[in-house]
Amino acid sequence: MNTFIKTIALLLFINITFSQEKLCDFEINIVTDTTSTRVLTDEIIDENVFGNSTSFLTFKMFEVDGVLGVNFQYLQKSKDFLSPICIDKNTKILLELSNGKQVKLINSVNLETCNELQYDKINKNNLRILSGFFYFTPENFTDLKTEKVYLIKITANTGDINFVIKPKIKSEIYKTETTPDTYFIENLKCLGI
């Protein structure tokens, strides 16, 4: 009888352990015999709420016919002046990994894009939104499957933007909880990588 209870306890433990894996949440998931387009929903990677200023960074991974990339969006909101940020064809996103290696993403667009200043009259806030599509390069790509990301650097032509990645974020804006440092570990599986 004691062996039976131990066996049941072991099976329950295994079931609970493997059921903790993240479910894939797709915005688009179209796969045919010749093409594939899969886009995950956006997830908060960094959030900063301080005084009159708020900023957050979201990632949305995608795979189109075997090409893998990230759509990022960086939103800033403040009662104070916000400096412009511009990206161009030379802009890169560098992911610093826990093993000391870097993974580079390159900009998919050849034109300069800036986060134009907008004004929210109702809440009296200045707003700037920067977004872009970046593709992975092959070097150190496999490390993303097992290594956590601790720093994200966007090399904008108006100056670098650094994001120190936290293990867990309880978002005040989205009202969700995410684990940004394991974003790629969790989501590459969803895209079959």
Protein backbone atom coordinates (compact mmCIF):
# COMPACT_ATOMS: atom_id res chain seq x y z
CA MET A 1 0.00 0.00 0.00
CA ASN A 2 2.89 2.36 0.83
CA THR A 3 4.38 1.82 -2.66
CA PHE A 4 0.97 2.57 -4.23
CA ILE A 5 0.74 5.94 -2.40
CA LYS A 6 4.32 6.83 -3.39
CA THR A 7 3.54 6.00 -7.03
CA ILE A 8 0.41 8.17 -7.02
CA ALA A 9 2.31 11.02 -5.35
CA LEU A 10 5.09 10.76 -7.98
CA LEU A 11 2.56 10.82 -10.85
CA LEU A 12 0.82 13.88 -9.38
CA PHE A 13 4.17 15.65 -8.96
CA ILE A 14 5.14 14.94 -12.59
CA ASN A 15 1.75 16.12 -13.82
CA ILE A 16 1.97 19.37 -11.86
CA THR A 17 5.57 19.98 -12.97
CA PHE A 18 4.86 19.59 -16.67
CA SER A 19 1.53 21.40 -16.58
CA GLN A 20 3.33 24.60 -15.52
CA GLU A 21 4.62 25.09 -19.09
CA LYS A 22 3.32 28.28 -20.70
CA LEU A 23 0.51 27.97 -23.22
CA CYS A 24 1.12 29.58 -26.60
CA ASP A 25 -1.11 32.57 -27.26
CA PHE A 26 -1.20 33.41 -30.98
CA GLU A 27 -2.53 36.57 -32.59
CA ILE A 28 -2.11 34.93 -36.03
CA ASN A 29 -1.44 31.24 -36.71
CA ILE A 30 -1.74 30.28 -40.39
CA VAL A 31 0.25 27.30 -41.61
CA THR A 32 -0.27 25.74 -45.06
CA ASP A 33 1.74 23.28 -47.15
CA THR A 34 3.88 26.08 -48.60
CA THR A 35 3.73 29.03 -46.20
CA SER A 36 3.53 29.85 -42.53
CA THR A 37 2.69 33.01 -40.62
CA ARG A 38 2.65 32.85 -36.86
CA VAL A 39 2.51 35.90 -34.61
CA LEU A 40 2.39 35.68 -30.82
CA THR A 41 0.46 38.23 -28.76
CA ASP A 42 2.48 41.09 -27.31
CA GLU A 43 4.05 40.72 -23.91
CA ILE A 44 5.43 43.36 -21.57
CA ILE A 45 9.22 43.21 -21.29
CA ASP A 46 9.94 46.35 -19.29
CA GLU A 47 7.79 48.83 -17.39
CA ASN A 48 8.79 51.95 -15.51
CA VAL A 49 6.27 54.07 -13.61
CA PHE A 50 7.87 56.95 -11.73
CA GLY A 51 6.16 60.20 -10.74
CA ASN A 52 4.62 61.86 -13.80
CA SER A 53 6.41 59.52 -16.24
CA THR A 54 5.53 56.08 -17.52
CA SER A 55 7.30 53.94 -20.10
CA PHE A 56 7.01 50.37 -21.23
CA LEU A 57 8.50 48.03 -23.80
CA THR A 58 6.55 45.18 -25.40
CA PHE A 59 7.73 42.38 -27.68
CA LYS A 60 5.70 40.36 -30.13
CA MET A 61 7.62 37.45 -31.71
CA PHE A 62 6.76 36.31 -35.22
CA GLU A 63 7.75 33.70 -37.79
CA VAL A 64 6.97 34.19 -41.48
CA ASP A 65 8.06 31.40 -43.85
CA GLY A 66 10.97 30.44 -41.61
CA VAL A 67 12.14 34.02 -40.90
CA LEU A 68 12.03 34.78 -37.20
CA GLY A 69 11.79 38.22 -35.68
CA VAL A 70 10.40 40.56 -33.06
CA ASN A 71 8.03 43.48 -33.34
CA PHE A 72 8.84 45.88 -30.50
CA GLN A 73 6.94 48.87 -29.22
CA TYR A 74 8.35 51.41 -26.78
CA LEU A 75 5.82 53.86 -25.33
CA GLN A 76 6.69 56.87 -23.19
CA LYS A 77 4.17 59.09 -21.43
CA SER A 78 4.98 62.10 -19.29
CA LYS A 79 3.80 65.54 -18.24
CA ASP A 80 7.40 66.63 -18.92
CA PHE A 81 9.19 66.97 -22.27
CA LEU A 82 10.21 63.66 -23.91
CA SER A 83 13.29 63.54 -26.13
CA PRO A 84 12.82 62.02 -29.58
CA ILE A 85 14.25 58.60 -30.44
CA CYS A 86 15.02 57.67 -34.05
CA ILE A 87 15.96 54.33 -35.55
CA ASP A 88 17.25 53.57 -39.06
CA LYS A 89 18.67 50.70 -41.13
CA ASN A 90 21.80 50.57 -38.90
CA THR A 91 19.82 50.22 -35.66
CA LYS A 92 20.21 46.89 -33.89
CA ILE A 93 18.70 45.25 -30.85
CA LEU A 94 21.29 43.45 -28.74
CA LEU A 95 20.21 40.83 -26.23
CA GLU A 96 22.77 40.24 -23.46
CA LEU A 97 22.42 36.67 -22.19
CA SER A 98 23.17 35.15 -18.81
CA ASN A 99 26.10 33.17 -20.31
CA GLY A 100 27.82 36.42 -21.41
CA LYS A 101 26.98 36.06 -25.11
CA GLN A 102 25.00 38.48 -27.27
CA VAL A 103 22.25 37.87 -29.79
CA LYS A 104 21.80 40.54 -32.45
CA LEU A 105 18.58 41.51 -34.23
CA ILE A 106 18.71 43.75 -37.30
CA ASN A 107 16.18 46.33 -38.45
CA SER A 108 13.92 45.18 -41.29
CA VAL A 109 13.26 48.72 -42.56
CA ASN A 110 15.74 50.89 -44.47
CA LEU A 111 14.03 54.19 -43.60
CA GLU A 112 14.53 56.37 -40.55
CA THR A 113 11.62 56.20 -38.11
CA CYS A 114 11.19 58.53 -35.14
CA ASN A 115 8.74 58.54 -32.27
CA GLU A 116 6.83 61.70 -33.05
CA LEU A 117 5.54 63.77 -30.17
CA GLN A 118 1.81 63.53 -29.56
CA TYR A 119 -0.24 65.29 -26.92
CA ASP A 120 -3.09 63.78 -24.89
CA LYS A 121 -5.30 66.81 -24.13
CA ILE A 122 -7.57 64.92 -21.74
CA ASN A 123 -4.81 63.69 -19.39
CA LYS A 124 -2.37 66.48 -20.35
CA ASN A 125 0.46 64.07 -21.19
CA ASN A 126 3.16 64.07 -23.83
CA LEU A 127 3.32 60.74 -25.65
CA ARG A 128 5.98 59.12 -27.82
CA ILE A 129 5.60 55.68 -29.40
CA LEU A 130 8.44 53.95 -31.22
CA SER A 131 7.94 50.62 -32.95
CA GLY A 132 9.84 48.45 -35.39
CA PHE A 133 10.37 45.00 -36.84
CA PHE A 134 13.70 43.31 -36.23
CA TYR A 135 15.01 39.99 -37.56
CA PHE A 136 17.33 37.54 -35.83
CA THR A 137 20.83 36.90 -37.13
CA PRO A 138 22.22 33.36 -36.93
CA GLU A 139 25.10 33.87 -34.45
CA ASN A 140 24.40 32.57 -30.91
CA PHE A 141 20.75 32.10 -31.83
CA THR A 142 20.50 28.69 -30.15
CA ASP A 143 21.57 30.21 -26.80
CA LEU A 144 18.17 31.96 -26.62
CA LYS A 145 16.52 28.56 -26.11
CA THR A 146 18.27 28.03 -22.78
CA GLU A 147 19.75 31.33 -21.55
CA LYS A 148 17.94 34.15 -19.78
CA VAL A 149 18.15 37.71 -21.11
CA TYR A 150 19.40 40.23 -18.56
CA LEU A 151 19.88 43.34 -20.75
CA ILE A 152 18.31 44.63 -23.97
CA LYS A 153 20.08 47.44 -25.83
CA ILE A 154 18.54 49.31 -28.76
CA THR A 155 21.28 51.10 -30.66
CA ALA A 156 19.25 54.06 -31.94
CA ASN A 157 20.99 56.76 -33.97
CA THR A 158 19.88 59.30 -31.33
CA GLY A 159 21.62 57.26 -28.59
CA ASP A 160 21.41 53.81 -27.05
CA ILE A 161 18.43 52.76 -24.94
CA ASN A 162 19.12 50.13 -22.29
CA PHE A 163 16.58 47.96 -20.51
CA VAL A 164 17.70 45.91 -17.49
CA ILE A 165 15.42 42.89 -17.65
CA LYS A 166 13.73 41.73 -14.47
CA PRO A 167 12.86 38.11 -13.67
CA LYS A 168 9.24 39.09 -12.99
CA ILE A 169 7.03 42.10 -13.68
CA LYS A 170 3.65 42.81 -12.14
CA SER A 171 2.46 45.34 -14.68
CA GLU A 172 0.56 48.36 -13.41
CA ILE A 173 -0.46 49.19 -16.99
CA TYR A 174 -1.47 45.78 -18.35
CA LYS A 175 -2.52 44.30 -14.99
CA THR A 176 -0.62 41.10 -15.82
CA GLU A 177 2.40 39.26 -14.49
CA THR A 178 5.22 38.29 -16.86
CA THR A 179 8.71 36.79 -16.70
CA PRO A 180 10.65 38.89 -19.24
CA ASP A 181 14.05 37.27 -18.65
CA THR A 182 12.69 33.93 -19.95
CA TYR A 183 10.56 35.44 -22.74
CA PHE A 184 12.57 33.79 -25.53
CA ILE A 185 12.98 30.46 -23.71
CA GLU A 186 9.20 30.21 -23.37
CA ASN A 187 8.13 31.60 -26.74
CA LEU A 188 10.63 30.04 -29.17
CA LYS A 189 8.93 26.70 -28.45
CA CYS A 190 5.64 28.18 -29.58
CA LEU A 191 7.15 28.97 -32.98
CA GLY A 192 8.63 25.49 -33.34
CA ILE A 193 12.22 26.66 -32.86
